[in-house]
Amino acid sequence: MSRLPVCSGQDAIRAFQKVGYQVDYQTGSHVIPRHAPMRRLTVPNHRELAKGTLRALIREAGLT
């Protein structure tokens, strides 16, 4: 995997929307995008996402 950029939670949500995820709901500082009826992610809505968190979200979304 190539080096991951530093991005915010909003940047990550926009990237997941480009591959078909839609924001389902938000609880506090966490946004829950949904793809198909069962696949959901929990994206922290922070200024910077940790690289490990971003990597885990990409894997969970099935993008690798």
PDB file of N, CA and C in Angstrom:
ATOM      1  N   MET A   1       0.849  -1.171   0.000  1.00  0.00           N
ATOM      2  CA  MET A   1       0.000   0.000   0.000  1.00  0.00           C
ATOM      3  C   MET A   1       0.893   1.232   0.000  1.00  0.00           C
ATOM      4  N   SER A   2       0.526   2.220  -0.778  1.00  0.00           N
ATOM      5  CA  SER A   2       1.300   3.451  -0.828  1.00  0.00           C
ATOM      6  C   SER A   2       1.082   4.269   0.444  1.00  0.00           C
ATOM      7  N   ARG A   3       1.876   5.301   0.592  1.00  0.00           N
ATOM      8  CA  ARG A   3       1.757   6.150   1.779  1.00  0.00           C
ATOM      9  C   ARG A   3       0.399   6.833   1.806  1.00  0.00           C
ATOM     10  N   LEU A   4      -0.196   6.831   2.971  1.00  0.00           N
ATOM     11  CA  LEU A   4      -1.509   7.456   3.122  1.00  0.00           C
ATOM     12  C   LEU A   4      -1.352   8.947   3.397  1.00  0.00           C
ATOM     13  N   PRO A   5      -2.180   9.770   2.792  1.00  0.00           N
ATOM     14  CA  PRO A   5      -2.114  11.204   3.065  1.00  0.00           C
ATOM     15  C   PRO A   5      -2.760  11.520   4.406  1.00  0.00           C
ATOM     16  N   VAL A   6      -2.400  12.651   4.957  1.00  0.00           N
ATOM     17  CA  VAL A   6      -3.076  13.138   6.154  1.00  0.00           C
ATOM     18  C   VAL A   6      -4.373  13.774   5.680  1.00  0.00           C
ATOM     19  N   CYS A   7      -5.491  13.300   6.208  1.00  0.00           N
ATOM     20  CA  CYS A   7      -6.765  13.870   5.781  1.00  0.00           C
ATOM     21  C   CYS A   7      -7.704  13.968   6.973  1.00  0.00           C
ATOM     22  N   SER A   8      -8.714  14.788   6.809  1.00  0.00           N
ATOM     23  CA  SER A   8      -9.702  14.977   7.871  1.00  0.00           C
ATOM     24  C   SER A   8     -10.808  13.943   7.721  1.00  0.00           C
ATOM     25  N   GLY A   9     -11.676  13.892   8.695  1.00  0.00           N
ATOM     26  CA  GLY A   9     -12.820  13.005   8.621  1.00  0.00           C
ATOM     27  C   GLY A   9     -13.726  13.366   7.463  1.00  0.00           C
ATOM     28  N   GLN A  10     -13.911  14.665   7.208  1.00  0.00           N
ATOM     29  CA  GLN A  10     -14.751  15.109   6.089  1.00  0.00           C
ATOM     30  C   GLN A  10     -14.152  14.693   4.748  1.00  0.00           C
ATOM     31  N   ASP A  11     -12.813  14.774   4.624  1.00  0.00           N
ATOM     32  CA  ASP A  11     -12.158  14.328   3.390  1.00  0.00           C
ATOM     33  C   ASP A  11     -12.387  12.836   3.173  1.00  0.00           C
ATOM     34  N   ALA A  12     -12.282  12.058   4.239  1.00  0.00           N
ATOM     35  CA  ALA A  12     -12.490  10.613   4.137  1.00  0.00           C
ATOM     36  C   ALA A  12     -13.933  10.303   3.750  1.00  0.00           C
ATOM     37  N   ILE A  13     -14.879  11.013   4.331  1.00  0.00           N
ATOM     38  CA  ILE A  13     -16.293  10.785   4.010  1.00  0.00           C
ATOM     39  C   ILE A  13     -16.552  11.106   2.538  1.00  0.00           C
ATOM     40  N   ARG A  14     -15.974  12.203   2.029  1.00  0.00           N
ATOM     41  CA  ARG A  14     -16.136  12.547   0.608  1.00  0.00           C
ATOM     42  C   ARG A  14     -15.548  11.462  -0.288  1.00  0.00           C
ATOM     43  N   ALA A  15     -14.396  10.913   0.102  1.00  0.00           N
ATOM     44  CA  ALA A  15     -13.774   9.848  -0.694  1.00  0.00           C
ATOM     45  C   ALA A  15     -14.647   8.599  -0.698  1.00  0.00           C
ATOM     46  N   PHE A  16     -15.225   8.242   0.450  1.00  0.00           N
ATOM     47  CA  PHE A  16     -16.098   7.068   0.501  1.00  0.00           C
ATOM     48  C   PHE A  16     -17.386   7.310  -0.287  1.00  0.00           C
ATOM     49  N   GLN A  17     -17.856   8.544  -0.336  1.00  0.00           N
ATOM     50  CA  GLN A  17     -19.051   8.852  -1.128  1.00  0.00           C
ATOM     51  C   GLN A  17     -18.773   8.661  -2.617  1.00  0.00           C
ATOM     52  N   LYS A  18     -17.547   8.915  -3.048  1.00  0.00           N
ATOM     53  CA  LYS A  18     -17.200   8.733  -4.462  1.00  0.00           C
ATOM     54  C   LYS A  18     -17.247   7.267  -4.878  1.00  0.00           C
ATOM     55  N   VAL A  19     -17.079   6.346  -3.924  1.00  0.00           N
ATOM     56  CA  VAL A  19     -17.126   4.914  -4.258  1.00  0.00           C
ATOM     57  C   VAL A  19     -18.456   4.286  -3.877  1.00  0.00           C
ATOM     58  N   GLY A  20     -19.465   5.113  -3.564  1.00  0.00           N
ATOM     59  CA  GLY A  20     -20.810   4.585  -3.388  1.00  0.00           C
ATOM     60  C   GLY A  20     -21.396   4.633  -1.994  1.00  0.00           C
ATOM     61  N   TYR A  21     -20.648   5.079  -0.994  1.00  0.00           N
ATOM     62  CA  TYR A  21     -21.190   5.184   0.361  1.00  0.00           C
ATOM     63  C   TYR A  21     -22.032   6.449   0.477  1.00  0.00           C
ATOM     64  N   GLN A  22     -23.099   6.381   1.267  1.00  0.00           N
ATOM     65  CA  GLN A  22     -23.938   7.545   1.545  1.00  0.00           C
ATOM     66  C   GLN A  22     -24.037   7.708   3.055  1.00  0.00           C
ATOM     67  N   VAL A  23     -24.011   8.942   3.523  1.00  0.00           N
ATOM     68  CA  VAL A  23     -24.096   9.186   4.962  1.00  0.00           C
ATOM     69  C   VAL A  23     -25.461   8.725   5.453  1.00  0.00           C
ATOM     70  N   ASP A  24     -25.444   7.803   6.408  1.00  0.00           N
ATOM     71  CA  ASP A  24     -26.680   7.254   6.971  1.00  0.00           C
ATOM     72  C   ASP A  24     -27.140   8.126   8.140  1.00  0.00           C
ATOM     73  N   TYR A  25     -26.240   8.356   9.107  1.00  0.00           N
ATOM     74  CA  TYR A  25     -26.556   9.224  10.237  1.00  0.00           C
ATOM     75  C   TYR A  25     -25.270   9.626  10.934  1.00  0.00           C
ATOM     76  N   GLN A  26     -25.381  10.522  11.901  1.00  0.00           N
ATOM     77  CA  GLN A  26     -24.238  10.983  12.682  1.00  0.00           C
ATOM     78  C   GLN A  26     -24.595  10.925  14.150  1.00  0.00           C
ATOM     79  N   THR A  27     -23.662  10.416  14.950  1.00  0.00           N
ATOM     80  CA  THR A  27     -23.828  10.381  16.395  1.00  0.00           C
ATOM     81  C   THR A  27     -22.619  11.066  17.009  1.00  0.00           C
ATOM     82  N   GLY A  28     -22.820  12.225  17.578  1.00  0.00           N
ATOM     83  CA  GLY A  28     -21.704  12.962  18.163  1.00  0.00           C
ATOM     84  C   GLY A  28     -20.697  13.336  17.090  1.00  0.00           C
ATOM     85  N   SER A  29     -19.440  12.932  17.301  1.00  0.00           N
ATOM     86  CA  SER A  29     -18.390  13.267  16.338  1.00  0.00           C
ATOM     87  C   SER A  29     -18.096  12.108  15.390  1.00  0.00           C
ATOM     88  N   HIS A  30     -18.998  11.152  15.277  1.00  0.00           N
ATOM     89  CA  HIS A  30     -18.801  10.015  14.382  1.00  0.00           C
ATOM     90  C   HIS A  30     -19.909   9.984  13.331  1.00  0.00           C
ATOM     91  N   VAL A  31     -19.495   9.857  12.077  1.00  0.00           N
ATOM     92  CA  VAL A  31     -20.429   9.794  10.957  1.00  0.00           C
ATOM     93  C   VAL A  31     -20.486   8.347  10.487  1.00  0.00           C
ATOM     94  N   ILE A  32     -21.687   7.856  10.195  1.00  0.00           N
ATOM     95  CA  ILE A  32     -21.887   6.474   9.786  1.00  0.00           C
ATOM     96  C   ILE A  32     -22.346   6.454   8.329  1.00  0.00           C
ATOM     97  N   PRO A  33     -21.414   6.257   7.383  1.00  0.00           N
ATOM     98  CA  PRO A  33     -21.832   6.094   5.998  1.00  0.00           C
ATOM     99  C   PRO A  33     -22.226   4.642   5.728  1.00  0.00           C
ATOM    100  N   ARG A  34     -23.137   4.447   4.763  1.00  0.00           N
ATOM    101  CA  ARG A  34     -23.671   3.114   4.468  1.00  0.00           C
ATOM    102  C   ARG A  34     -23.541   2.846   2.972  1.00  0.00           C
ATOM    103  N   HIS A  35     -23.223   1.587   2.642  1.00  0.00           N
ATOM    104  CA  HIS A  35     -23.155   1.132   1.251  1.00  0.00           C
ATOM    105  C   HIS A  35     -23.885  -0.191   1.193  1.00  0.00           C
ATOM    106  N   ALA A  36     -24.926  -0.247   0.389  1.00  0.00           N
ATOM    107  CA  ALA A  36     -25.796  -1.432   0.354  1.00  0.00           C
ATOM    108  C   ALA A  36     -26.497  -1.543   1.702  1.00  0.00           C
ATOM    109  N   PRO A  37     -27.323  -2.527   1.901  1.00  0.00           N
ATOM    110  CA  PRO A  37     -28.089  -2.554   3.150  1.00  0.00           C
ATOM    111  C   PRO A  37     -27.263  -2.880   4.396  1.00  0.00           C
ATOM    112  N   MET A  38     -26.165  -3.614   4.273  1.00  0.00           N
ATOM    113  CA  MET A  38     -25.495  -4.093   5.480  1.00  0.00           C
ATOM    114  C   MET A  38     -24.112  -3.501   5.741  1.00  0.00           C
ATOM    115  N   ARG A  39     -23.432  -2.932   4.770  1.00  0.00           N
ATOM    116  CA  ARG A  39     -22.060  -2.487   4.974  1.00  0.00           C
ATOM    117  C   ARG A  39     -22.042  -1.060   5.507  1.00  0.00           C
ATOM    118  N   ARG A  40     -21.536  -0.885   6.729  1.00  0.00           N
ATOM    119  CA  ARG A  40     -21.449   0.439   7.358  1.00  0.00           C
ATOM    120  C   ARG A  40     -20.037   0.680   7.867  1.00  0.00           C
ATOM    121  N   LEU A  41     -19.656   1.930   7.881  1.00  0.00           N
ATOM    122  CA  LEU A  41     -18.378   2.359   8.440  1.00  0.00           C
ATOM    123  C   LEU A  41     -18.651   3.369   9.541  1.00  0.00           C
ATOM    124  N   THR A  42     -17.735   3.482  10.471  1.00  0.00           N
ATOM    125  CA  THR A  42     -17.807   4.524  11.489  1.00  0.00           C
ATOM    126  C   THR A  42     -16.595   5.422  11.292  1.00  0.00           C
ATOM    127  N   VAL A  43     -16.827   6.617  10.789  1.00  0.00           N
ATOM    128  CA  VAL A  43     -15.744   7.548  10.479  1.00  0.00           C
ATOM    129  C   VAL A  43     -15.738   8.657  11.519  1.00  0.00           C
ATOM    130  N   PRO A  44     -14.632   8.797  12.278  1.00  0.00           N
ATOM    131  CA  PRO A  44     -14.551   9.910  13.221  1.00  0.00           C
ATOM    132  C   PRO A  44     -14.478  11.233  12.457  1.00  0.00           C
ATOM    133  N   ASN A  45     -15.269  12.192  12.866  1.00  0.00           N
ATOM    134  CA  ASN A  45     -15.298  13.494  12.202  1.00  0.00           C
ATOM    135  C   ASN A  45     -14.315  14.424  12.916  1.00  0.00           C
ATOM    136  N   HIS A  46     -13.021  14.139  12.743  1.00  0.00           N
ATOM    137  CA  HIS A  46     -11.964  14.904  13.394  1.00  0.00           C
ATOM    138  C   HIS A  46     -11.183  15.688  12.348  1.00  0.00           C
ATOM    139  N   ARG A  47     -10.387  16.647  12.807  1.00  0.00           N
ATOM    140  CA  ARG A  47      -9.575  17.440  11.875  1.00  0.00           C
ATOM    141  C   ARG A  47      -8.568  16.570  11.146  1.00  0.00           C
ATOM    142  N   GLU A  48      -7.908  15.665  11.866  1.00  0.00           N
ATOM    143  CA  GLU A  48      -6.948  14.748  11.256  1.00  0.00           C
ATOM    144  C   GLU A  48      -7.265  13.340  11.709  1.00  0.00           C
ATOM    145  N   LEU A  49      -7.318  12.418  10.760  1.00  0.00           N
ATOM    146  CA  LEU A  49      -7.485  11.012  11.104  1.00  0.00           C
ATOM    147  C   LEU A  49      -6.103  10.395  11.252  1.00  0.00           C
ATOM    148  N   ALA A  50      -5.943   9.551  12.246  1.00  0.00           N
ATOM    149  CA  ALA A  50      -4.693   8.822  12.398  1.00  0.00           C
ATOM    150  C   ALA A  50      -4.530   7.885  11.206  1.00  0.00           C
ATOM    151  N   LYS A  51      -3.290   7.656  10.790  1.00  0.00           N
ATOM    152  CA  LYS A  51      -3.058   6.816   9.619  1.00  0.00           C
ATOM    153  C   LYS A  51      -3.573   5.404   9.829  1.00  0.00           C
ATOM    154  N   GLY A  52      -3.455   4.875  11.043  1.00  0.00           N
ATOM    155  CA  GLY A  52      -3.968   3.541  11.331  1.00  0.00           C
ATOM    156  C   GLY A  52      -5.484   3.482  11.226  1.00  0.00           C
ATOM    157  N   THR A  53      -6.152   4.534  11.658  1.00  0.00           N
ATOM    158  CA  THR A  53      -7.614   4.602  11.556  1.00  0.00           C
ATOM    159  C   THR A  53      -8.037   4.659  10.096  1.00  0.00           C
ATOM    160  N   LEU A  54      -7.362   5.482   9.306  1.00  0.00           N
ATOM    161  CA  LEU A  54      -7.682   5.587   7.886  1.00  0.00           C
ATOM    162  C   LEU A  54      -7.434   4.255   7.181  1.00  0.00           C
ATOM    163  N   ARG A  55      -6.326   3.602   7.503  1.00  0.00           N
ATOM    164  CA  ARG A  55      -6.007   2.302   6.907  1.00  0.00           C
ATOM    165  C   ARG A  55      -7.077   1.269   7.251  1.00  0.00           C
ATOM    166  N   ALA A  56      -7.534   1.265   8.502  1.00  0.00           N
ATOM    167  CA  ALA A  56      -8.573   0.322   8.924  1.00  0.00           C
ATOM    168  C   ALA A  56      -9.892   0.602   8.208  1.00  0.00           C
ATOM    169  N   LEU A  57     -10.241   1.866   8.016  1.00  0.00           N
ATOM    170  CA  LEU A  57     -11.472   2.216   7.301  1.00  0.00           C
ATOM    171  C   LEU A  57     -11.411   1.754   5.845  1.00  0.00           C
ATOM    172  N   ILE A  58     -10.255   1.915   5.212  1.00  0.00           N
ATOM    173  CA  ILE A  58     -10.098   1.488   3.819  1.00  0.00           C
ATOM    174  C   ILE A  58     -10.256  -0.024   3.715  1.00  0.00           C
ATOM    175  N   ARG A  59      -9.647  -0.749   4.641  1.00  0.00           N
ATOM    176  CA  ARG A  59      -9.786  -2.215   4.641  1.00  0.00           C
ATOM    177  C   ARG A  59     -11.222  -2.632   4.900  1.00  0.00           C
ATOM    178  N   GLU A  60     -11.858  -1.996   5.873  1.00  0.00           N
ATOM    179  CA  GLU A  60     -13.233  -2.339   6.227  1.00  0.00           C
ATOM    180  C   GLU A  60     -14.192  -2.059   5.067  1.00  0.00           C
ATOM    181  N   ALA A  61     -13.881  -1.045   4.274  1.00  0.00           N
ATOM    182  CA  ALA A  61     -14.718  -0.712   3.123  1.00  0.00           C
ATOM    183  C   ALA A  61     -14.489  -1.674   1.963  1.00  0.00           C
ATOM    184  N   GLY A  62     -13.454  -2.492   2.062  1.00  0.00           N
ATOM    185  CA  GLY A  62     -13.164  -3.450   0.999  1.00  0.00           C
ATOM    186  C   GLY A  62     -12.493  -2.824  -0.204  1.00  0.00           C
ATOM    187  N   LEU A  63     -11.736  -1.758   0.009  1.00  0.00           N
ATOM    188  CA  LEU A  63     -11.095  -1.059  -1.102  1.00  0.00           C
ATOM    189  C   LEU A  63      -9.685  -1.551  -1.388  1.00  0.00           C
ATOM    190  N   THR A  64      -9.161  -2.483  -0.605  1.00  0.00           N
ATOM    191  CA  THR A  64      -7.820  -3.011  -0.884  1.00  0.00           C
ATOM    192  C   THR A  64      -7.888  -4.449  -1.302  1.00  0.00           C
TER     193      THR A  64
END
